[in-house]
Structure formats: C-alpha cells, structure tokens
C-alpha atoms as a PDB file:
ATOM      1  CA  GLN A   1     -16.968  54.326  62.521  1.00  0.00           C
ATOM      2  CA  ALA A   2     -14.898  55.568  65.448  1.00  0.00           C
ATOM      3  CA  HIS A   3     -11.524  53.928  64.896  1.00  0.00           C
ATOM      4  CA  TYR A   4      -9.923  55.934  62.090  1.00  0.00           C
ATOM      5  CA  PRO A   5      -9.819  59.634  61.120  1.00  0.00           C
ATOM      6  CA  ILE A   6     -12.887  60.562  59.148  1.00  0.00           C
ATOM      7  CA  VAL A   7     -11.641  62.234  55.923  1.00  0.00           C
ATOM      8  CA  TYR A   8     -10.447  59.141  54.048  1.00  0.00           C
ATOM      9  CA  PRO A   9     -13.435  56.961  55.020  1.00  0.00           C
ATOM     10  CA  ALA A  10     -15.680  59.840  53.947  1.00  0.00           C
ATOM     11  CA  LEU A  11     -14.049  59.883  50.493  1.00  0.00           C
ATOM     12  CA  LEU A  12     -14.500  56.125  50.206  1.00  0.00           C
ATOM     13  CA  ALA A  13     -18.135  56.532  51.277  1.00  0.00           C
ATOM     14  CA  LEU A  14     -18.677  59.023  48.450  1.00  0.00           C
ATOM     15  CA  ILE A  15     -17.261  56.509  45.972  1.00  0.00           C
ATOM     16  CA  TRP A  16     -19.554  53.874  47.437  1.00  0.00           C
ATOM     17  CA  LEU A  17     -22.559  56.159  46.949  1.00  0.00           C
ATOM     18  CA  VAL A  18     -21.613  56.764  43.326  1.00  0.00           C
ATOM     19  CA  TRP A  19     -20.859  53.103  42.622  1.00  0.00           C
ATOM     20  CA  PRO A  20     -22.164  50.726  45.334  1.00  0.00           C
ATOM     21  CA  ALA A  21     -21.315  47.547  43.384  1.00  0.00           C
ATOM     22  CA  TYR A  22     -18.801  45.798  45.654  1.00  0.00           C
ATOM     23  CA  PRO A  23     -16.143  44.531  44.896  1.00  0.00           C
ATOM     24  CA  ASP A  24     -16.188  46.191  41.475  1.00  0.00           C
ATOM     25  CA  ASN A  25     -15.943  49.629  43.117  1.00  0.00           C
ATOM     26  CA  LEU A  26     -12.565  48.755  44.629  1.00  0.00           C
ATOM     27  CA  GLY A  27     -10.961  49.773  41.351  1.00  0.00           C
ATOM     28  CA  LEU A  28     -12.327  53.295  41.753  1.00  0.00           C
ATOM     29  CA  MET A  29     -11.129  53.366  45.357  1.00  0.00           C
ATOM     30  CA  ARG A  30      -7.645  52.374  44.222  1.00  0.00           C
ATOM     31  CA  LEU A  31      -7.841  55.077  41.563  1.00  0.00           C
ATOM     32  CA  LEU A  32      -8.297  57.604  44.380  1.00  0.00           C
ATOM     33  CA  SER A  33      -4.959  56.521  45.872  1.00  0.00           C
ATOM     34  CA  GLU A  34      -3.264  56.596  42.461  1.00  0.00           C
ATOM     35  CA  MET A  35      -4.516  60.092  41.667  1.00  0.00           C
ATOM     36  CA  ALA A  36      -3.558  61.363  45.116  1.00  0.00           C
ATOM     37  CA  SER A  37      -0.099  59.839  44.686  1.00  0.00           C
ATOM     38  CA  GLY A  38       0.515  61.607  41.378  1.00  0.00           C
ATOM     39  CA  LEU A  39      -0.837  64.940  42.575  1.00  0.00           C
ATOM     40  CA  GLY A  40       1.112  64.609  45.823  1.00  0.00           C
ATOM     41  CA  ILE A  41       4.377  64.265  43.897  1.00  0.00           C
ATOM     42  CA  LEU A  42       3.614  67.397  41.856  1.00  0.00           C
ATOM     43  CA  VAL A  43       2.619  69.439  44.912  1.00  0.00           C
ATOM     44  CA  ALA A  44       5.689  68.239  46.821  1.00  0.00           C
ATOM     45  CA  TYR A  45       7.926  69.438  43.983  1.00  0.00           C
ATOM     46  CA  ALA A  46       6.124  72.779  43.898  1.00  0.00           C
ATOM     47  CA  TYR A  47       6.550  73.160  47.659  1.00  0.00           C
ATOM     48  CA  PHE A  48      10.274  72.362  47.641  1.00  0.00           C
ATOM     49  CA  VAL A  49      10.899  74.883  44.853  1.00  0.00           C
ATOM     50  CA  ARG A  50       8.569  77.591  46.170  1.00  0.00           C
ATOM     51  CA  SER A  51       9.936  77.460  49.713  1.00  0.00           C
ATOM     52  CA  GLY A  52      13.515  77.741  48.493  1.00  0.00           C
ATOM     53  CA  LEU A  53      14.608  74.677  50.442  1.00  0.00           C
ATOM     54  CA  THR A  54      16.531  73.282  47.469  1.00  0.00           C
ATOM     55  CA  THR A  55      17.251  73.744  43.791  1.00  0.00           C
ATOM     56  CA  ARG A  56      14.886  72.633  41.059  1.00  0.00           C
ATOM     57  CA  GLY A  57      17.245  69.831  40.093  1.00  0.00           C
ATOM     58  CA  LEU A  58      17.501  68.399  43.582  1.00  0.00           C
ATOM     59  CA  ALA A  59      13.765  68.769  44.104  1.00  0.00           C
ATOM     60  CA  LEU A  60      13.113  66.875  40.872  1.00  0.00           C
ATOM     61  CA  LEU A  61      15.560  64.149  41.884  1.00  0.00           C
ATOM     62  CA  ALA A  62      13.967  63.812  45.320  1.00  0.00           C
ATOM     63  CA  VAL A  63      10.399  63.491  44.037  1.00  0.00           C
ATOM     64  CA  ALA A  64      11.470  61.136  41.233  1.00  0.00           C
ATOM     65  CA  MET A  65      13.198  58.811  43.705  1.00  0.00           C
ATOM     66  CA  THR A  66      10.131  58.966  45.937  1.00  0.00           C
ATOM     67  CA  ALA A  67       7.693  58.346  43.095  1.00  0.00           C
ATOM     68  CA  PHE A  68       9.429  55.147  41.993  1.00  0.00           C
ATOM     69  CA  HIS A  69      10.231  53.783  45.442  1.00  0.00           C
ATOM     70  CA  PRO A  70       8.763  50.256  45.622  1.00  0.00           C
ATOM     71  CA  TYR A  71       7.033  50.880  48.943  1.00  0.00           C
ATOM     72  CA  ARG A  72       5.352  54.022  47.623  1.00  0.00           C
ATOM     73  CA  VAL A  73       4.238  52.256  44.454  1.00  0.00           C
ATOM     74  CA  ILE A  74       2.554  49.621  46.618  1.00  0.00           C
ATOM     75  CA  GLN A  75       0.897  52.245  48.821  1.00  0.00           C
ATOM     76  CA  ALA A  76      -0.324  54.124  45.750  1.00  0.00           C
ATOM     77  CA  THR A  77      -2.162  51.128  44.339  1.00  0.00           C
ATOM     78  CA  ILE A  78      -4.089  49.918  47.388  1.00  0.00           C
ATOM     79  CA  VAL A  79      -6.931  51.322  49.445  1.00  0.00           C
ATOM     80  CA  TYR A  80      -4.877  53.069  52.135  1.00  0.00           C
ATOM     81  CA  SER A  81      -4.985  56.645  53.379  1.00  0.00           C
ATOM     82  CA  GLU A  82      -1.248  57.331  52.989  1.00  0.00           C
ATOM     83  CA  MET A  83      -1.390  58.935  49.550  1.00  0.00           C
ATOM     84  CA  VAL A  84      -4.366  61.136  50.359  1.00  0.00           C
ATOM     85  CA  TYR A  85      -2.623  62.295  53.535  1.00  0.00           C
ATOM     86  CA  THR A  86       0.615  62.960  51.633  1.00  0.00           C
ATOM     87  CA  LEU A  87      -1.232  65.106  49.094  1.00  0.00           C
ATOM     88  CA  LEU A  88      -3.088  67.020  51.798  1.00  0.00           C
ATOM     89  CA  SER A  89       0.000  67.612  53.936  1.00  0.00           C
ATOM     90  CA  PHE A  90       2.131  68.935  51.071  1.00  0.00           C
ATOM     91  CA  ALA A  91      -0.769  71.055  49.833  1.00  0.00           C
ATOM     92  CA  ALA A  92      -1.028  72.529  53.329  1.00  0.00           C
ATOM     93  CA  LEU A  93       2.730  73.199  53.427  1.00  0.00           C
ATOM     94  CA  TYR A  94       2.561  74.899  50.026  1.00  0.00           C
ATOM     95  CA  ALA A  95      -0.365  77.036  51.184  1.00  0.00           C
ATOM     96  CA  VAL A  96       1.573  78.018  54.313  1.00  0.00           C
ATOM     97  CA  ALA A  97       4.501  79.097  52.138  1.00  0.00           C
ATOM     98  CA  ARG A  98       2.237  81.159  49.898  1.00  0.00           C
ATOM     99  CA  TRP A  99       0.495  82.717  52.898  1.00  0.00           C
ATOM    100  CA  ASP A 100       3.909  83.813  54.107  1.00  0.00           C
ATOM    101  CA  GLU A 101       4.597  85.490  50.792  1.00  0.00           C
ATOM    102  CA  GLU A 102       1.335  87.407  51.027  1.00  0.00           C
ATOM    103  CA  SER A 103       2.045  88.624  54.560  1.00  0.00           C
ATOM    104  CA  LYS A 104       2.808  92.191  53.565  1.00  0.00           C
ATOM    105  CA  GLY A 105       0.496  94.823  52.207  1.00  0.00           C
ATOM    106  CA  ILE A 106      -3.260  95.119  52.322  1.00  0.00           C
ATOM    107  CA  TRP A 107      -5.587  92.209  52.978  1.00  0.00           C
ATOM    108  CA  ASP A 108      -6.723  91.312  49.461  1.00  0.00           C
ATOM    109  CA  LEU A 109      -8.509  88.346  47.920  1.00  0.00           C
ATOM    110  CA  ARG A 110      -5.338  86.441  47.055  1.00  0.00           C
ATOM    111  CA  ARG A 111      -4.042  86.682  50.591  1.00  0.00           C
ATOM    112  CA  ALA A 112      -7.415  85.565  51.943  1.00  0.00           C
ATOM    113  CA  VAL A 113      -7.444  82.548  49.624  1.00  0.00           C
ATOM    114  CA  TRP A 114      -4.012  81.344  50.754  1.00  0.00           C
ATOM    115  CA  ALA A 115      -4.905  81.971  54.381  1.00  0.00           C
ATOM    116  CA  ALA A 116      -8.044  79.875  54.035  1.00  0.00           C
ATOM    117  CA  ALA A 117      -6.196  77.138  52.152  1.00  0.00           C
ATOM    118  CA  SER A 118      -3.450  77.048  54.767  1.00  0.00           C
ATOM    119  CA  LEU A 119      -5.838  76.854  57.711  1.00  0.00           C
ATOM    120  CA  ALA A 120      -8.080  74.287  56.010  1.00  0.00           C
ATOM    121  CA  GLY A 121      -5.187  72.041  54.962  1.00  0.00           C
ATOM    122  CA  VAL A 122      -3.502  72.067  58.350  1.00  0.00           C
ATOM    123  CA  ALA A 123      -6.808  71.576  60.194  1.00  0.00           C
ATOM    124  CA  LEU A 124      -7.870  68.625  58.028  1.00  0.00           C
ATOM    125  CA  ALA A 125      -4.529  66.832  58.309  1.00  0.00           C
ATOM    126  CA  PRO A 126      -5.277  65.191  61.711  1.00  0.00           C
ATOM    127  CA  LEU A 127      -8.668  64.122  60.386  1.00  0.00           C
ATOM    128  CA  THR A 128      -6.944  62.255  57.557  1.00  0.00           C
ATOM    129  CA  ARG A 129      -4.279  60.600  59.697  1.00  0.00           C
ATOM    130  CA  TYR A 130      -3.833  61.265  63.402  1.00  0.00           C
ATOM    131  CA  LEU A 131      -0.169  61.919  62.690  1.00  0.00           C
ATOM    132  CA  GLY A 132      -1.372  65.172  61.120  1.00  0.00           C
ATOM    133  CA  ALA A 133      -1.399  66.648  64.622  1.00  0.00           C
ATOM    134  CA  ALA A 134       2.312  67.151  64.049  1.00  0.00           C
ATOM    135  CA  LEU A 135       1.531  69.353  61.035  1.00  0.00           C
ATOM    136  CA  VAL A 136      -0.652  71.538  63.251  1.00  0.00           C
ATOM    137  CA  ALA A 137       2.146  71.839  65.818  1.00  0.00           C
ATOM    138  CA  GLY A 138       4.648  72.572  63.062  1.00  0.00           C
ATOM    139  CA  GLY A 139       2.435  75.305  61.616  1.00  0.00           C
ATOM    140  CA  VAL A 140       1.969  76.949  64.995  1.00  0.00           C
ATOM    141  CA  PHE A 141       5.716  76.792  65.665  1.00  0.00           C
ATOM    142  CA  HIS A 142       6.597  78.037  62.174  1.00  0.00           C
ATOM    143  CA  PHE A 143       4.504  81.198  62.458  1.00  0.00           C
ATOM    144  CA  ALA A 144       5.633  81.774  66.048  1.00  0.00           C
ATOM    145  CA  LEU A 145       9.272  81.596  64.914  1.00  0.00           C
ATOM    146  CA  ARG A 146       8.519  84.343  62.406  1.00  0.00           C
ATOM    147  CA  ARG A 147       6.704  86.339  65.110  1.00  0.00           C
ATOM    148  CA  ALA A 148       3.481  86.083  63.125  1.00  0.00           C
ATOM    149  CA  TRP A 149       1.467  85.665  66.301  1.00  0.00           C
ATOM    150  CA  GLY A 150      -1.912  86.157  64.647  1.00  0.00           C
ATOM    151  CA  LYS A 151      -1.260  83.407  62.105  1.00  0.00           C
ATOM    152  CA  SER A 152       0.109  81.118  64.796  1.00  0.00           C
ATOM    153  CA  ALA A 153      -2.967  81.630  66.964  1.00  0.00           C
ATOM    154  CA  ALA A 154      -5.325  81.233  63.998  1.00  0.00           C
ATOM    155  CA  THR A 155      -3.676  77.942  63.032  1.00  0.00           C
ATOM    156  CA  LEU A 156      -4.050  76.576  66.551  1.00  0.00           C
ATOM    157  CA  ILE A 157      -7.613  77.806  67.109  1.00  0.00           C
ATOM    158  CA  VAL A 158      -9.006  76.683  63.743  1.00  0.00           C
ATOM    159  CA  SER A 159      -7.289  73.292  63.946  1.00  0.00           C
ATOM    160  CA  ALA A 160      -8.552  72.714  67.482  1.00  0.00           C
ATOM    161  CA  ALA A 161     -12.068  73.788  66.544  1.00  0.00           C
ATOM    162  CA  VAL A 162     -12.112  71.347  63.605  1.00  0.00           C
ATOM    163  CA  PHE A 163     -10.481  68.397  65.366  1.00  0.00           C
ATOM    164  CA  ALA A 164     -11.851  68.648  68.914  1.00  0.00           C
ATOM    165  CA  PRO A 165     -15.449  67.561  68.165  1.00  0.00           C
ATOM    166  CA  TRP A 166     -14.228  64.458  66.325  1.00  0.00           C
ATOM    167  CA  TRP A 167     -11.661  63.574  69.006  1.00  0.00           C
ATOM    168  CA  LEU A 168     -14.227  64.017  71.764  1.00  0.00           C
ATOM    169  CA  TRP A 169     -16.853  61.943  69.955  1.00  0.00           C
ATOM    170  CA  VAL A 170     -14.383  59.141  69.183  1.00  0.00           C
ATOM    171  CA  THR A 171     -13.120  59.045  72.773  1.00  0.00           C
ATOM    172  CA  LEU A 172     -16.559  59.013  74.361  1.00  0.00           C
ATOM    173  CA  SER A 173     -17.895  56.435  71.907  1.00  0.00           C
ATOM    174  CA  GLY A 174     -15.143  53.947  72.678  1.00  0.00           C
ATOM    175  CA  GLY A 175     -12.986  54.541  69.601  1.00  0.00           C
ATOM    176  CA  SER A 176      -9.229  54.285  69.579  1.00  0.00           C
ATOM    177  CA  PRO A 177      -7.274  57.441  68.743  1.00  0.00           C
ATOM    178  CA  TYR A 178      -3.640  56.921  69.770  1.00  0.00           C
ATOM    179  CA  LEU A 179      -3.128  55.341  73.180  1.00  0.00           C
ATOM    180  CA  THR A 180      -6.861  55.051  73.930  1.00  0.00           C
ATOM    181  CA  ARG A 181      -6.759  51.713  72.151  1.00  0.00           C
ATOM    182  CA  PHE A 182      -4.659  50.473  75.095  1.00  0.00           C
ATOM    183  CA  ALA A 183      -6.469  52.408  77.814  1.00  0.00           C
ATOM    184  CA  THR A 184      -9.119  51.054  80.102  1.00  0.00           C
ATOM    185  CA  GLY A 185     -11.398  52.753  82.565  1.00  0.00           C
ATOM    186  CA  THR A 186     -13.464  55.888  82.372  1.00  0.00           C
ATOM    187  CA  ALA A 187     -13.818  58.271  79.462  1.00  0.00           C
ATOM    188  CA  PRO A 188     -11.694  60.986  81.181  1.00  0.00           C
ATOM    189  CA  LEU A 189      -8.850  58.474  81.531  1.00  0.00           C
ATOM    190  CA  LYS A 190      -9.080  57.571  77.855  1.00  0.00           C
ATOM    191  CA  MET A 191      -9.121  61.245  76.906  1.00  0.00           C
ATOM    192  CA  ALA A 192      -6.030  61.858  79.060  1.00  0.00           C
ATOM    193  CA  THR A 193      -4.080  58.999  77.488  1.00  0.00           C
ATOM    194  CA  SER A 194      -5.121  60.120  74.006  1.00  0.00           C
ATOM    195  CA  LEU A 195      -3.869  63.652  74.631  1.00  0.00           C
ATOM    196  CA  ALA A 196      -0.668  62.335  76.199  1.00  0.00           C
ATOM    197  CA  ASP A 197       0.123  60.301  73.091  1.00  0.00           C
ATOM    198  CA  VAL A 198      -0.404  63.331  70.854  1.00  0.00           C
ATOM    199  CA  LEU A 199       2.017  65.400  72.925  1.00  0.00           C
ATOM    200  CA  VAL A 200       4.607  62.740  73.681  1.00  0.00           C
ATOM    201  CA  TYR A 201       4.716  60.694  70.470  1.00  0.00           C
ATOM    202  CA  ALA A 202       3.053  62.158  67.388  1.00  0.00           C
ATOM    203  CA  VAL A 203       4.140  65.794  67.648  1.00  0.00           C
ATOM    204  CA  PRO A 204       7.836  65.260  68.531  1.00  0.00           C
ATOM    205  CA  ASN A 205       8.086  62.447  65.973  1.00  0.00           C
ATOM    206  CA  GLN A 206       7.105  64.653  63.018  1.00  0.00           C
ATOM    207  CA  ILE A 207       7.556  68.309  64.020  1.00  0.00           C
ATOM    208  CA  LEU A 208      10.925  68.527  62.228  1.00  0.00           C
ATOM    209  CA  TYR A 209       9.102  68.500  58.876  1.00  0.00           C
ATOM    210  CA  LEU A 210       8.521  72.263  59.074  1.00  0.00           C
ATOM    211  CA  LEU A 211      11.739  73.245  60.861  1.00  0.00           C
ATOM    212  CA  PRO A 212      13.988  73.617  57.768  1.00  0.00           C
ATOM    213  CA  TYR A 213      11.570  76.002  56.075  1.00  0.00           C
ATOM    214  CA  SER A 214      10.981  77.933  59.285  1.00  0.00           C
ATOM    215  CA  ALA A 215      14.706  78.357  59.904  1.00  0.00           C
ATOM    216  CA  ASN A 216      15.346  79.287  56.271  1.00  0.00           C
ATOM    217  CA  SER A 217      12.602  81.927  56.384  1.00  0.00           C
ATOM    218  CA  ARG A 218      14.009  83.370  59.620  1.00  0.00           C
ATOM    219  CA  ILE A 219      17.496  83.657  58.115  1.00  0.00           C
ATOM    220  CA  GLU A 220      16.104  85.463  55.062  1.00  0.00           C
ATOM    221  CA  GLN A 221      14.492  88.039  57.338  1.00  0.00           C
END
C-alpha cells in the first residue's frame, strides 16, 4: 500500500501471517495497540524523570491523567497507529536523553547502544506516522543547540536515508503523503507539494516537543 507510513501496516501484516483468520485476528491487532499504550505510558514517565523536565510526582500525575483520558482509552483499544507511534516517539526521546548523558568519555558499547537506539527511533518515527518528521527536526535542532554537530548531522543523515526511499516510492506510485493527496499533475509537482507540507505544517506544528528539554540541557551546561 502507498497511502500510509509502512511501520504500523507491517506490524499488522506480521500478525496476519501468524494468525490469518479474519476477523478473529482483530483481537490480536487490538492487543498490539493496548500493549503499545501501556508501554508508552511507562516510557513517557521514564523520559520525563530522566530528562529532568519535572519531578517524579508531577510526571506520575501527568501520565496517569493521560492513561485514563477517555480519548486515549478509545485509541488504545482500536486498530489505529497512534499508540504505536506514541511508544516509538517517547522511546526515541528517552534514547536521545541517554545518548546525551553518554556524550563524554571514550566511545564504549553503552554509548554505541544509545546512539543506535536514538538514531533508529527518530528515523522510524516518520515511517510510523508522517508527523514523525517533526521528531527528526526536533532531534536535529536539539543537538545543534548543544553544539553537538556530529550528532545533529547523524540524526539528519540517517533519518533521510531511511525515509527518502519510502517517500520517493510513495510519491512516484501515486500515494498520498501530506499534500500530495490534493496535488495533481506530474510526479515532480507532487514531490514538491509533499515536501512543502512537511516544512510548512508538520515540522512547525510539533517541533516544540523537544524544545523544553533542549533549553533545560543548555541551561545546565
């Protein structure tokens, strides 16, 4: 399919391979959302505490209110990509925070693990929901603010290398990332409108997610 980011459909396809009995397998697909919802809450709490953005009490209150919000409960019990994206995005943010902590000293295995986790999480975010492009922009900006130019460049290059083939294939095959669903004409025109929507809508709309942590880290320095 060429209409939605590939990670969530790929997970559903794996479930289908394991249990192809439709509609009985819908329960297992819903279980994926429920598990991602629970893990996402735990990782979000860990990120808030680890990054020093708030106290443990406030972090617990925030995730508890989120966990029991009626809209989230609905999203966590249906076959939607929101919960998987939430888990992935907070896992990426946590990995970025840990990579920051391992920025000094020699390049050891632990530092390499958090670097790989950070790059993989940020790069996969746009392939789970297109809005994840904002997480890429936030990661690049975050490391640039800390003058970690190598990490900033690595985040941009790896994310582009992972996302570009999918974006190009979707655009040329007549899919609909962002504004290309409204565009008509040649493939270059569709590619231009797709890129414009990433820059004008998705990135500015969500880039503030990483700003508090970036500013807090800069102050600590």
